[in-house]
Amino acid sequence: MTTRHDDLIVIDGLIIAKWSRAVFADMRKGGLTAANCTCSVWEGFEATMRNIAQWKRFFRDNADLIMPVHSAADIARAKQAGRTGIVLGFQNVSAFEDQLGYIQLFKELGVGAVQMAYNTQNLVGTGCYESHDRGLSDFGREVVAEMNRVGMLCDRSHVGAATSRDVILASTKPVAYTHIAPAALKAHPRNKSDDEIRFIVEHGGFVGVTMFPPFLARGSAATVDDYLQAIEHVISVAGEDQVGIGTDFTQDQGPDFFQWLTRDKGYARELVEFGEVVNPDGIRRIGDFPNLTAAMGKARWPEPRICKIMGENWLRVLREVWGG
């Protein structure tokens, strides 16, 4: 039996596109039920609040295409309504500044997932490009506890290994790598070892697999089948119940964006050079998502596995973290 993409719950664990109506329309073309959409990286509290205000306008002006997600039930409603549910997410805790009270405020505004550090050191912990990983700070432990309390997913995709381990052990709710690739297929500071993948899953965590070309074995020459290979490797380590999609689509972003993204705090030392980012052939744009389902079918994945990886696993984990 052929799995129909349109019938699936499709959840993308991380998109950081240049947001526009054209991108939202492409989400609908791709059949996305929901996505974790980055609205803060290096920004502090005030700038992040402006970004969220812009999202409120997006929801108002594009209500035929997208809707806000505050709970797992909202994802089911988005599927039924034929719209894409938007989970607001941070890729850093910069917006929290040093105020634990901001965490509940952001949760009430629709922020459902926050990464503990973006590449470098912050008040909470250490990123993956920092030369010394100091682990989770004592303030960071308070942040994790408060995120657990309000129901906010702890992401560690760009986080250093020691800090990641500390977060996994400190959290009372499942944590995630929302968008990583396996180091076993390509050595890179952003990729995670089999041991790291195994450790998070053994402690109830979750792994979203990215297709960001610099992290795949064949880089910009990769195809949708290479992305599938990365997913299959993670499944071989973690099992098919704790794995999902986290593309890291940077759709329509230009050179200035990547320069801002890859410098510490957005302006300081250069952390990494990606060069031209060309997504895998067959899934160049968000609207190409059905090609991933087709590749899974071509690889003779059983239908239950396709359903789990494309979104059902994500939905279960988010329900456990958020409730509802």
C-alpha atoms as a PDB file:
ATOM      1  CA  MET A   1       0.000   0.000   0.000  1.00  0.00           C
ATOM      2  CA  THR A   2       1.407   3.410  -0.982  1.00  0.00           C
ATOM      3  CA  THR A   3       1.507   6.001   1.806  1.00  0.00           C
ATOM      4  CA  ARG A   4      -0.288   9.188   0.796  1.00  0.00           C
ATOM      5  CA  HIS A   5       1.710  12.240   1.880  1.00  0.00           C
ATOM      6  CA  ASP A   6      -1.467  14.307   2.229  1.00  0.00           C
ATOM      7  CA  ASP A   7      -2.797  11.865   4.831  1.00  0.00           C
ATOM      8  CA  LEU A   8       0.239  12.171   7.105  1.00  0.00           C
ATOM      9  CA  ILE A   9       0.874  14.320  10.150  1.00  0.00           C
ATOM     10  CA  VAL A  10       4.014  16.132   8.929  1.00  0.00           C
ATOM     11  CA  ILE A  11       6.058  18.022  11.523  1.00  0.00           C
ATOM     12  CA  ASP A  12       9.347  19.803  10.846  1.00  0.00           C
ATOM     13  CA  GLY A  13      11.398  20.258  14.005  1.00  0.00           C
ATOM     14  CA  LEU A  14      13.247  23.347  12.738  1.00  0.00           C
ATOM     15  CA  ILE A  15      12.822  25.916   9.983  1.00  0.00           C
ATOM     16  CA  ILE A  16      14.627  29.277   9.912  1.00  0.00           C
ATOM     17  CA  ALA A  17      13.383  30.686   6.610  1.00  0.00           C
ATOM     18  CA  LYS A  18      12.997  34.313   5.554  1.00  0.00           C
ATOM     19  CA  TRP A  19       9.371  34.455   6.598  1.00  0.00           C
ATOM     20  CA  SER A  20       6.849  35.626   4.028  1.00  0.00           C
ATOM     21  CA  ARG A  21       3.499  34.695   2.551  1.00  0.00           C
ATOM     22  CA  ALA A  22       5.390  32.867  -0.206  1.00  0.00           C
ATOM     23  CA  VAL A  23       7.093  30.651   2.404  1.00  0.00           C
ATOM     24  CA  PHE A  24       3.784  30.005   4.167  1.00  0.00           C
ATOM     25  CA  ALA A  25       2.218  29.033   0.836  1.00  0.00           C
ATOM     26  CA  ASP A  26       5.132  26.662   0.206  1.00  0.00           C
ATOM     27  CA  MET A  27       4.501  25.072   3.607  1.00  0.00           C
ATOM     28  CA  ARG A  28       0.973  24.316   2.459  1.00  0.00           C
ATOM     29  CA  LYS A  29       2.274  22.985  -0.856  1.00  0.00           C
ATOM     30  CA  GLY A  30       4.612  20.699   1.099  1.00  0.00           C
ATOM     31  CA  GLY A  31       1.798  19.458   3.305  1.00  0.00           C
ATOM     32  CA  LEU A  32       3.348  20.607   6.567  1.00  0.00           C
ATOM     33  CA  THR A  33       1.032  20.111   9.498  1.00  0.00           C
ATOM     34  CA  ALA A  34       3.303  22.028  11.873  1.00  0.00           C
ATOM     35  CA  ALA A  35       6.819  23.418  12.166  1.00  0.00           C
ATOM     36  CA  ASN A  36       9.119  24.836  14.837  1.00  0.00           C
ATOM     37  CA  CYS A  37       9.882  28.268  13.363  1.00  0.00           C
ATOM     38  CA  THR A  38      12.850  30.223  14.695  1.00  0.00           C
ATOM     39  CA  CYS A  39      12.014  33.752  15.840  1.00  0.00           C
ATOM     40  CA  SER A  40      15.112  34.465  17.961  1.00  0.00           C
ATOM     41  CA  VAL A  41      18.808  33.580  17.805  1.00  0.00           C
ATOM     42  CA  TRP A  42      21.137  36.365  18.973  1.00  0.00           C
ATOM     43  CA  GLU A  43      18.374  38.830  19.877  1.00  0.00           C
ATOM     44  CA  GLY A  44      17.779  39.941  23.451  1.00  0.00           C
ATOM     45  CA  PHE A  45      14.379  40.380  25.095  1.00  0.00           C
ATOM     46  CA  GLU A  46      13.247  43.582  23.373  1.00  0.00           C
ATOM     47  CA  ALA A  47      14.261  42.582  19.841  1.00  0.00           C
ATOM     48  CA  THR A  48      12.699  39.139  20.305  1.00  0.00           C
ATOM     49  CA  MET A  49       9.431  40.734  21.428  1.00  0.00           C
ATOM     50  CA  ARG A  50       9.458  42.759  18.204  1.00  0.00           C
ATOM     51  CA  ASN A  51       9.946  39.529  16.244  1.00  0.00           C
ATOM     52  CA  ILE A  52       6.983  37.938  18.021  1.00  0.00           C
ATOM     53  CA  ALA A  53       4.900  41.041  17.298  1.00  0.00           C
ATOM     54  CA  GLN A  54       5.740  40.513  13.622  1.00  0.00           C
ATOM     55  CA  TRP A  55       4.550  36.910  13.925  1.00  0.00           C
ATOM     56  CA  LYS A  56       1.255  38.167  15.343  1.00  0.00           C
ATOM     57  CA  ARG A  57       0.884  40.193  12.134  1.00  0.00           C
ATOM     58  CA  PHE A  58       1.791  37.129  10.056  1.00  0.00           C
ATOM     59  CA  PHE A  59      -0.953  35.143  11.775  1.00  0.00           C
ATOM     60  CA  ARG A  60      -3.466  37.920  11.149  1.00  0.00           C
ATOM     61  CA  ASP A  61      -2.540  38.486   7.493  1.00  0.00           C
ATOM     62  CA  ASN A  62      -2.077  34.819   6.521  1.00  0.00           C
ATOM     63  CA  ALA A  63      -4.811  33.132   8.526  1.00  0.00           C
ATOM     64  CA  ASP A  64      -5.800  31.094   5.475  1.00  0.00           C
ATOM     65  CA  LEU A  65      -2.355  29.413   5.480  1.00  0.00           C
ATOM     66  CA  ILE A  66      -0.984  29.349   9.044  1.00  0.00           C
ATOM     67  CA  MET A  67      -2.149  29.333  12.655  1.00  0.00           C
ATOM     68  CA  PRO A  68      -0.377  29.580  16.031  1.00  0.00           C
ATOM     69  CA  VAL A  69       0.311  26.426  18.038  1.00  0.00           C
ATOM     70  CA  HIS A  70       0.173  26.483  21.852  1.00  0.00           C
ATOM     71  CA  SER A  71      -0.599  22.796  22.474  1.00  0.00           C
ATOM     72  CA  ALA A  72      -0.486  19.391  20.834  1.00  0.00           C
ATOM     73  CA  ALA A  73      -4.236  19.686  20.262  1.00  0.00           C
ATOM     74  CA  ASP A  74      -3.580  22.779  18.119  1.00  0.00           C
ATOM     75  CA  ILE A  75      -1.483  20.623  15.771  1.00  0.00           C
ATOM     76  CA  ALA A  76      -4.443  18.287  15.267  1.00  0.00           C
ATOM     77  CA  ARG A  77      -6.646  21.323  14.631  1.00  0.00           C
ATOM     78  CA  ALA A  78      -4.186  22.645  12.055  1.00  0.00           C
ATOM     79  CA  LYS A  79      -4.301  19.338  10.198  1.00  0.00           C
ATOM     80  CA  GLN A  80      -8.086  19.348  10.195  1.00  0.00           C
ATOM     81  CA  ALA A  81      -8.206  22.980   9.031  1.00  0.00           C
ATOM     82  CA  GLY A  82      -5.701  22.470   6.197  1.00  0.00           C
ATOM     83  CA  ARG A  83      -3.326  25.053   7.630  1.00  0.00           C
ATOM     84  CA  THR A  84       0.243  24.847   8.947  1.00  0.00           C
ATOM     85  CA  GLY A  85       0.597  25.174  12.713  1.00  0.00           C
ATOM     86  CA  ILE A  86       3.446  27.454  13.761  1.00  0.00           C
ATOM     87  CA  VAL A  87       5.423  26.694  16.904  1.00  0.00           C
ATOM     88  CA  LEU A  88       7.507  29.745  17.771  1.00  0.00           C
ATOM     89  CA  GLY A  89      11.016  28.708  18.760  1.00  0.00           C
ATOM     90  CA  PHE A  90      14.316  30.221  19.903  1.00  0.00           C
ATOM     91  CA  GLN A  91      17.747  28.896  18.945  1.00  0.00           C
ATOM     92  CA  ASN A  92      19.329  30.557  21.966  1.00  0.00           C
ATOM     93  CA  VAL A  93      18.356  31.717  25.456  1.00  0.00           C
ATOM     94  CA  SER A  94      19.523  35.285  24.750  1.00  0.00           C
ATOM     95  CA  ALA A  95      15.933  36.524  24.923  1.00  0.00           C
ATOM     96  CA  PHE A  96      15.629  35.261  28.512  1.00  0.00           C
ATOM     97  CA  GLU A  97      18.518  37.536  29.489  1.00  0.00           C
ATOM     98  CA  ASP A  98      18.925  36.908  33.237  1.00  0.00           C
ATOM     99  CA  GLN A  99      15.200  36.833  34.033  1.00  0.00           C
ATOM    100  CA  LEU A 100      13.558  33.506  34.832  1.00  0.00           C
ATOM    101  CA  GLY A 101      10.171  35.228  34.724  1.00  0.00           C
ATOM    102  CA  TYR A 102      10.516  35.821  30.987  1.00  0.00           C
ATOM    103  CA  ILE A 103      10.239  32.066  30.369  1.00  0.00           C
ATOM    104  CA  GLN A 104       6.561  31.830  31.310  1.00  0.00           C
ATOM    105  CA  LEU A 105       5.870  35.082  29.470  1.00  0.00           C
ATOM    106  CA  PHE A 106       7.314  33.664  26.241  1.00  0.00           C
ATOM    107  CA  LYS A 107       5.464  30.387  26.772  1.00  0.00           C
ATOM    108  CA  GLU A 108       2.186  32.298  26.965  1.00  0.00           C
ATOM    109  CA  LEU A 109       3.096  34.041  23.691  1.00  0.00           C
ATOM    110  CA  GLY A 110       3.449  30.679  21.917  1.00  0.00           C
ATOM    111  CA  VAL A 111       7.148  29.854  22.309  1.00  0.00           C
ATOM    112  CA  GLY A 112       7.240  26.066  22.585  1.00  0.00           C
ATOM    113  CA  ALA A 113      10.916  25.181  22.059  1.00  0.00           C
ATOM    114  CA  VAL A 114      14.151  26.900  23.085  1.00  0.00           C
ATOM    115  CA  GLN A 115      17.746  25.871  22.407  1.00  0.00           C
ATOM    116  CA  MET A 116      20.007  26.160  25.412  1.00  0.00           C
ATOM    117  CA  ALA A 117      22.957  27.726  23.559  1.00  0.00           C
ATOM    118  CA  TYR A 118      23.637  28.774  19.985  1.00  0.00           C
ATOM    119  CA  ASN A 119      27.208  27.759  19.085  1.00  0.00           C
ATOM    120  CA  THR A 120      28.962  29.786  21.848  1.00  0.00           C
ATOM    121  CA  GLN A 121      28.900  30.499  25.580  1.00  0.00           C
ATOM    122  CA  ASN A 122      25.926  32.138  27.275  1.00  0.00           C
ATOM    123  CA  LEU A 123      24.576  32.422  30.819  1.00  0.00           C
ATOM    124  CA  VAL A 124      23.127  28.905  30.655  1.00  0.00           C
ATOM    125  CA  GLY A 125      25.775  26.769  28.978  1.00  0.00           C
ATOM    126  CA  THR A 126      28.220  26.229  26.150  1.00  0.00           C
ATOM    127  CA  GLY A 127      27.734  25.948  22.401  1.00  0.00           C
ATOM    128  CA  CYS A 128      29.386  23.454  20.073  1.00  0.00           C
ATOM    129  CA  TYR A 129      31.949  25.899  18.609  1.00  0.00           C
ATOM    130  CA  GLU A 130      33.283  27.075  21.977  1.00  0.00           C
ATOM    131  CA  SER A 131      36.836  25.890  22.743  1.00  0.00           C
ATOM    132  CA  HIS A 132      35.996  24.836  26.330  1.00  0.00           C
ATOM    133  CA  ASP A 133      32.642  23.277  27.219  1.00  0.00           C
ATOM    134  CA  ARG A 134      31.946  24.313  30.818  1.00  0.00           C
ATOM    135  CA  GLY A 135      28.660  22.426  31.056  1.00  0.00           C
ATOM    136  CA  LEU A 136      25.344  23.685  32.379  1.00  0.00           C
ATOM    137  CA  SER A 137      25.661  26.618  34.782  1.00  0.00           C
ATOM    138  CA  ASP A 138      23.762  26.737  38.066  1.00  0.00           C
ATOM    139  CA  PHE A 139      21.564  29.458  36.540  1.00  0.00           C
ATOM    140  CA  GLY A 140      21.130  27.111  33.586  1.00  0.00           C
ATOM    141  CA  ARG A 141      19.740  24.467  35.927  1.00  0.00           C
ATOM    142  CA  GLU A 142      17.159  26.990  37.094  1.00  0.00           C
ATOM    143  CA  VAL A 143      16.304  27.741  33.452  1.00  0.00           C
ATOM    144  CA  VAL A 144      15.828  24.040  32.675  1.00  0.00           C
ATOM    145  CA  ALA A 145      13.612  23.608  35.752  1.00  0.00           C
ATOM    146  CA  GLU A 146      11.460  26.586  34.754  1.00  0.00           C
ATOM    147  CA  MET A 147      11.185  25.383  31.158  1.00  0.00           C
ATOM    148  CA  ASN A 148      10.067  22.005  32.504  1.00  0.00           C
ATOM    149  CA  ARG A 149       7.520  23.703  34.740  1.00  0.00           C
ATOM    150  CA  VAL A 150       5.876  25.815  32.020  1.00  0.00           C
ATOM    151  CA  GLY A 151       6.119  23.107  29.337  1.00  0.00           C
ATOM    152  CA  MET A 152       8.825  24.310  26.968  1.00  0.00           C
ATOM    153  CA  LEU A 153      11.022  21.888  25.015  1.00  0.00           C
ATOM    154  CA  CYS A 154      14.779  22.053  25.746  1.00  0.00           C
ATOM    155  CA  ASP A 155      16.697  21.872  22.445  1.00  0.00           C
ATOM    156  CA  ARG A 156      20.437  21.137  22.322  1.00  0.00           C
ATOM    157  CA  SER A 157      21.248  20.915  18.602  1.00  0.00           C
ATOM    158  CA  HIS A 158      23.991  23.595  18.635  1.00  0.00           C
ATOM    159  CA  VAL A 159      25.037  22.819  22.220  1.00  0.00           C
ATOM    160  CA  GLY A 160      28.373  21.382  23.345  1.00  0.00           C
ATOM    161  CA  ALA A 161      28.589  17.754  24.424  1.00  0.00           C
ATOM    162  CA  ALA A 162      29.111  18.361  28.170  1.00  0.00           C
ATOM    163  CA  THR A 163      26.329  20.935  28.381  1.00  0.00           C
ATOM    164  CA  SER A 164      24.024  18.644  26.388  1.00  0.00           C
ATOM    165  CA  ARG A 165      24.672  15.795  28.801  1.00  0.00           C
ATOM    166  CA  ASP A 166      23.988  18.058  31.783  1.00  0.00           C
ATOM    167  CA  VAL A 167      20.667  19.223  30.303  1.00  0.00           C
ATOM    168  CA  ILE A 168      19.592  15.643  29.594  1.00  0.00           C
ATOM    169  CA  LEU A 169      20.301  14.672  33.217  1.00  0.00           C
ATOM    170  CA  ALA A 170      18.779  17.836  34.710  1.00  0.00           C
ATOM    171  CA  SER A 171      15.506  17.796  32.791  1.00  0.00           C
ATOM    172  CA  THR A 172      12.463  15.984  34.163  1.00  0.00           C
ATOM    173  CA  LYS A 173      10.790  16.071  30.735  1.00  0.00           C
ATOM    174  CA  PRO A 174      12.021  14.802  27.357  1.00  0.00           C
ATOM    175  CA  VAL A 175      14.618  16.989  25.672  1.00  0.00           C
ATOM    176  CA  ALA A 176      15.596  17.021  22.000  1.00  0.00           C
ATOM    177  CA  TYR A 177      18.147  17.517  19.344  1.00  0.00           C
ATOM    178  CA  THR A 178      15.653  19.181  16.988  1.00  0.00           C
ATOM    179  CA  HIS A 179      17.995  19.279  13.973  1.00  0.00           C
ATOM    180  CA  ILE A 180      21.234  17.286  13.911  1.00  0.00           C
ATOM    181  CA  ALA A 181      23.047  14.897  11.587  1.00  0.00           C
ATOM    182  CA  PRO A 182      25.108  11.832  12.562  1.00  0.00           C
ATOM    183  CA  ALA A 183      28.850  12.309  13.025  1.00  0.00           C
ATOM    184  CA  ALA A 184      29.286   8.682  11.954  1.00  0.00           C
ATOM    185  CA  LEU A 185      28.518   9.753   8.364  1.00  0.00           C
ATOM    186  CA  LYS A 186      30.394  13.078   8.490  1.00  0.00           C
ATOM    187  CA  ALA A 187      32.701  14.486  11.149  1.00  0.00           C
ATOM    188  CA  HIS A 188      31.600  18.052  11.988  1.00  0.00           C
ATOM    189  CA  PRO A 189      31.371  20.031  15.254  1.00  0.00           C
ATOM    190  CA  ARG A 190      27.599  20.321  14.758  1.00  0.00           C
ATOM    191  CA  ASN A 191      27.039  16.612  14.201  1.00  0.00           C
ATOM    192  CA  LYS A 192      26.352  14.193  17.037  1.00  0.00           C
ATOM    193  CA  SER A 193      28.143  10.924  17.740  1.00  0.00           C
ATOM    194  CA  ASP A 194      26.324   7.629  18.036  1.00  0.00           C
ATOM    195  CA  ASP A 195      27.087   7.691  21.761  1.00  0.00           C
ATOM    196  CA  GLU A 196      25.457  11.128  22.126  1.00  0.00           C
ATOM    197  CA  ILE A 197      22.403   9.994  20.149  1.00  0.00           C
ATOM    198  CA  ARG A 198      22.163   6.808  22.203  1.00  0.00           C
ATOM    199  CA  PHE A 199      22.500   8.718  25.506  1.00  0.00           C
ATOM    200  CA  ILE A 200      19.641  11.127  24.832  1.00  0.00           C
ATOM    201  CA  VAL A 201      17.315   8.338  23.727  1.00  0.00           C
ATOM    202  CA  GLU A 202      18.197   6.184  26.749  1.00  0.00           C
ATOM    203  CA  HIS A 203      17.041   9.118  28.881  1.00  0.00           C
ATOM    204  CA  GLY A 204      13.734   9.575  27.076  1.00  0.00           C
ATOM    205  CA  GLY A 205      14.884  12.218  24.616  1.00  0.00           C
ATOM    206  CA  PHE A 206      14.248  12.780  20.935  1.00  0.00           C
ATOM    207  CA  VAL A 207      16.293  13.321  17.753  1.00  0.00           C
ATOM    208  CA  GLY A 208      15.248  15.401  14.743  1.00  0.00           C
ATOM    209  CA  VAL A 209      17.493  14.805  11.718  1.00  0.00           C
ATOM    210  CA  THR A 210      18.645  17.736   9.577  1.00  0.00           C
ATOM    211  CA  MET A 211      19.347  17.870   5.868  1.00  0.00           C
ATOM    212  CA  PHE A 212      21.500  21.043   6.100  1.00  0.00           C
ATOM    213  CA  PRO A 213      24.058  20.291   3.350  1.00  0.00           C
ATOM    214  CA  PRO A 214      27.315  21.067   5.218  1.00  0.00           C
ATOM    215  CA  PHE A 215      26.391  18.346   7.725  1.00  0.00           C
ATOM    216  CA  LEU A 216      25.653  15.623   5.171  1.00  0.00           C
ATOM    217  CA  ALA A 217      28.345  13.305   3.813  1.00  0.00           C
ATOM    218  CA  ARG A 218      28.114  14.623   0.229  1.00  0.00           C
ATOM    219  CA  GLY A 219      27.495  18.256   1.141  1.00  0.00           C
ATOM    220  CA  SER A 220      25.920  20.317  -1.638  1.00  0.00           C
ATOM    221  CA  ALA A 221      25.996  17.261  -3.936  1.00  0.00           C
ATOM    222  CA  ALA A 222      23.553  15.475  -1.615  1.00  0.00           C
ATOM    223  CA  THR A 223      20.130  14.277  -2.742  1.00  0.00           C
ATOM    224  CA  VAL A 224      16.956  13.430  -0.885  1.00  0.00           C
ATOM    225  CA  ASP A 225      18.287   9.852  -0.747  1.00  0.00           C
ATOM    226  CA  ASP A 226      21.397  11.044   1.116  1.00  0.00           C
ATOM    227  CA  TYR A 227      19.105  12.739   3.618  1.00  0.00           C
ATOM    228  CA  LEU A 228      17.192   9.494   3.966  1.00  0.00           C
ATOM    229  CA  GLN A 229      20.487   7.695   4.630  1.00  0.00           C
ATOM    230  CA  ALA A 230      21.202  10.085   7.519  1.00  0.00           C
ATOM    231  CA  ILE A 231      17.737   9.436   8.973  1.00  0.00           C
ATOM    232  CA  GLU A 232      18.208   5.672   8.605  1.00  0.00           C
ATOM    233  CA  HIS A 233      21.529   5.820  10.447  1.00  0.00           C
ATOM    234  CA  VAL A 234      19.969   7.680  13.368  1.00  0.00           C
ATOM    235  CA  ILE A 235      17.107   5.151  13.453  1.00  0.00           C
ATOM    236  CA  SER A 236      19.677   2.328  13.571  1.00  0.00           C
ATOM    237  CA  VAL A 237      21.097   3.906  16.748  1.00  0.00           C
ATOM    238  CA  ALA A 238      18.003   5.393  18.396  1.00  0.00           C
ATOM    239  CA  GLY A 239      15.163   3.201  17.174  1.00  0.00           C
ATOM    240  CA  GLU A 240      12.259   4.402  15.052  1.00  0.00           C
ATOM    241  CA  ASP A 241      10.126   5.699  17.934  1.00  0.00           C
ATOM    242  CA  GLN A 242      12.422   8.559  19.018  1.00  0.00           C
ATOM    243  CA  VAL A 243      13.354  10.057  15.626  1.00  0.00           C
ATOM    244  CA  GLY A 244      11.756  12.699  13.425  1.00  0.00           C
ATOM    245  CA  ILE A 245      12.416  15.410  10.857  1.00  0.00           C
ATOM    246  CA  GLY A 246      14.224  18.698  11.527  1.00  0.00           C
ATOM    247  CA  THR A 247      15.242  20.019   8.130  1.00  0.00           C
ATOM    248  CA  ASP A 248      16.805  23.382   9.131  1.00  0.00           C
ATOM    249  CA  PHE A 249      15.379  24.939   5.955  1.00  0.00           C
ATOM    250  CA  THR A 250      16.876  28.412   5.408  1.00  0.00           C
ATOM    251  CA  GLN A 251      14.581  29.150   2.483  1.00  0.00           C
ATOM    252  CA  ASP A 252      15.030  32.539   0.762  1.00  0.00           C
ATOM    253  CA  GLN A 253      17.757  33.668   3.185  1.00  0.00           C
ATOM    254  CA  GLY A 254      20.693  35.591   1.666  1.00  0.00           C
ATOM    255  CA  PRO A 255      24.427  36.033   2.390  1.00  0.00           C
ATOM    256  CA  ASP A 256      23.873  38.741   5.021  1.00  0.00           C
ATOM    257  CA  PHE A 257      21.745  36.331   7.042  1.00  0.00           C
ATOM    258  CA  PHE A 258      24.407  33.617   7.031  1.00  0.00           C
ATOM    259  CA  GLN A 259      27.091  36.131   7.994  1.00  0.00           C
ATOM    260  CA  TRP A 260      24.947  37.241  10.958  1.00  0.00           C
ATOM    261  CA  LEU A 261      24.139  33.651  11.897  1.00  0.00           C
ATOM    262  CA  THR A 262      27.715  32.349  11.843  1.00  0.00           C
ATOM    263  CA  ARG A 263      29.352  35.126  13.890  1.00  0.00           C
ATOM    264  CA  ASP A 264      29.342  35.069  17.667  1.00  0.00           C
ATOM    265  CA  LYS A 265      26.498  37.330  18.884  1.00  0.00           C
ATOM    266  CA  GLY A 266      25.780  38.050  15.222  1.00  0.00           C
ATOM    267  CA  TYR A 267      28.754  40.368  14.714  1.00  0.00           C
ATOM    268  CA  ALA A 268      31.912  39.164  16.502  1.00  0.00           C
ATOM    269  CA  ARG A 269      34.323  36.353  15.600  1.00  0.00           C
ATOM    270  CA  GLU A 270      33.501  34.086  12.670  1.00  0.00           C
ATOM    271  CA  LEU A 271      32.606  30.627  13.960  1.00  0.00           C
ATOM    272  CA  VAL A 272      32.222  28.638  10.741  1.00  0.00           C
ATOM    273  CA  GLU A 273      32.154  29.169   6.978  1.00  0.00           C
ATOM    274  CA  PHE A 274      29.461  27.292   5.063  1.00  0.00           C
ATOM    275  CA  GLY A 275      29.916  28.729   1.565  1.00  0.00           C
ATOM    276  CA  GLU A 276      26.933  28.439  -0.754  1.00  0.00           C
ATOM    277  CA  VAL A 277      24.116  26.434   0.824  1.00  0.00           C
ATOM    278  CA  VAL A 278      22.396  24.202  -1.754  1.00  0.00           C
ATOM    279  CA  ASN A 279      19.742  21.919  -0.283  1.00  0.00           C
ATOM    280  CA  PRO A 280      19.642  18.248  -1.338  1.00  0.00           C
ATOM    281  CA  ASP A 281      18.371  17.591  -4.831  1.00  0.00           C
ATOM    282  CA  GLY A 282      14.747  16.539  -4.587  1.00  0.00           C
ATOM    283  CA  ILE A 283      14.026  18.589  -1.463  1.00  0.00           C
ATOM    284  CA  ARG A 284      15.377  21.999  -2.377  1.00  0.00           C
ATOM    285  CA  ARG A 285      12.322  23.843  -1.020  1.00  0.00           C
ATOM    286  CA  ILE A 286       9.704  23.288   1.657  1.00  0.00           C
ATOM    287  CA  GLY A 287       7.127  22.560  -1.027  1.00  0.00           C
ATOM    288  CA  ASP A 288       9.162  19.473  -2.013  1.00  0.00           C
ATOM    289  CA  PHE A 289       8.323  17.638   1.233  1.00  0.00           C
ATOM    290  CA  PRO A 290       6.207  15.004  -0.600  1.00  0.00           C
ATOM    291  CA  ASN A 291       9.430  13.832  -2.284  1.00  0.00           C
ATOM    292  CA  LEU A 292      10.766  12.752   1.116  1.00  0.00           C
ATOM    293  CA  THR A 293       7.719  10.568   1.713  1.00  0.00           C
ATOM    294  CA  ALA A 294       8.130   9.160  -1.797  1.00  0.00           C
ATOM    295  CA  ALA A 295      11.812   8.365  -1.095  1.00  0.00           C
ATOM    296  CA  MET A 296      10.796   6.499   2.055  1.00  0.00           C
ATOM    297  CA  GLY A 297       8.309   4.475   0.045  1.00  0.00           C
ATOM    298  CA  LYS A 298      10.898   3.776  -2.645  1.00  0.00           C
ATOM    299  CA  ALA A 299      13.249   2.517   0.087  1.00  0.00           C
ATOM    300  CA  ARG A 300      10.465   0.111   1.136  1.00  0.00           C
ATOM    301  CA  TRP A 301       9.896   1.667   4.521  1.00  0.00           C
ATOM    302  CA  PRO A 302       6.782   0.167   6.123  1.00  0.00           C
ATOM    303  CA  GLU A 303       3.887   2.588   6.431  1.00  0.00           C
ATOM    304  CA  PRO A 304       3.957   2.714  10.269  1.00  0.00           C
ATOM    305  CA  ARG A 305       7.611   3.831  10.181  1.00  0.00           C
ATOM    306  CA  ILE A 306       6.864   6.563   7.626  1.00  0.00           C
ATOM    307  CA  CYS A 307       3.986   7.849   9.761  1.00  0.00           C
ATOM    308  CA  LYS A 308       6.169   7.923  12.884  1.00  0.00           C
ATOM    309  CA  ILE A 309       9.170   9.670  11.356  1.00  0.00           C
ATOM    310  CA  MET A 310       7.199  12.221   9.362  1.00  0.00           C
ATOM    311  CA  GLY A 311       5.348  13.507  12.391  1.00  0.00           C
ATOM    312  CA  GLU A 312       3.664  11.102  14.771  1.00  0.00           C
ATOM    313  CA  ASN A 313       6.784  10.762  16.930  1.00  0.00           C
ATOM    314  CA  TRP A 314       7.143  14.541  17.182  1.00  0.00           C
ATOM    315  CA  LEU A 315       3.486  14.892  18.134  1.00  0.00           C
ATOM    316  CA  ARG A 316       3.840  12.348  20.933  1.00  0.00           C
ATOM    317  CA  VAL A 317       6.927  14.018  22.408  1.00  0.00           C
ATOM    318  CA  LEU A 318       5.452  17.523  22.197  1.00  0.00           C
ATOM    319  CA  ARG A 319       2.296  16.289  23.919  1.00  0.00           C
ATOM    320  CA  GLU A 320       4.463  14.878  26.715  1.00  0.00           C
ATOM    321  CA  VAL A 321       6.417  18.140  27.127  1.00  0.00           C
ATOM    322  CA  TRP A 322       3.552  20.597  26.625  1.00  0.00           C
ATOM    323  CA  GLY A 323       0.514  18.637  27.697  1.00  0.00           C
ATOM    324  CA  GLY A 324      -2.709  18.761  25.676  1.00  0.00           C
END
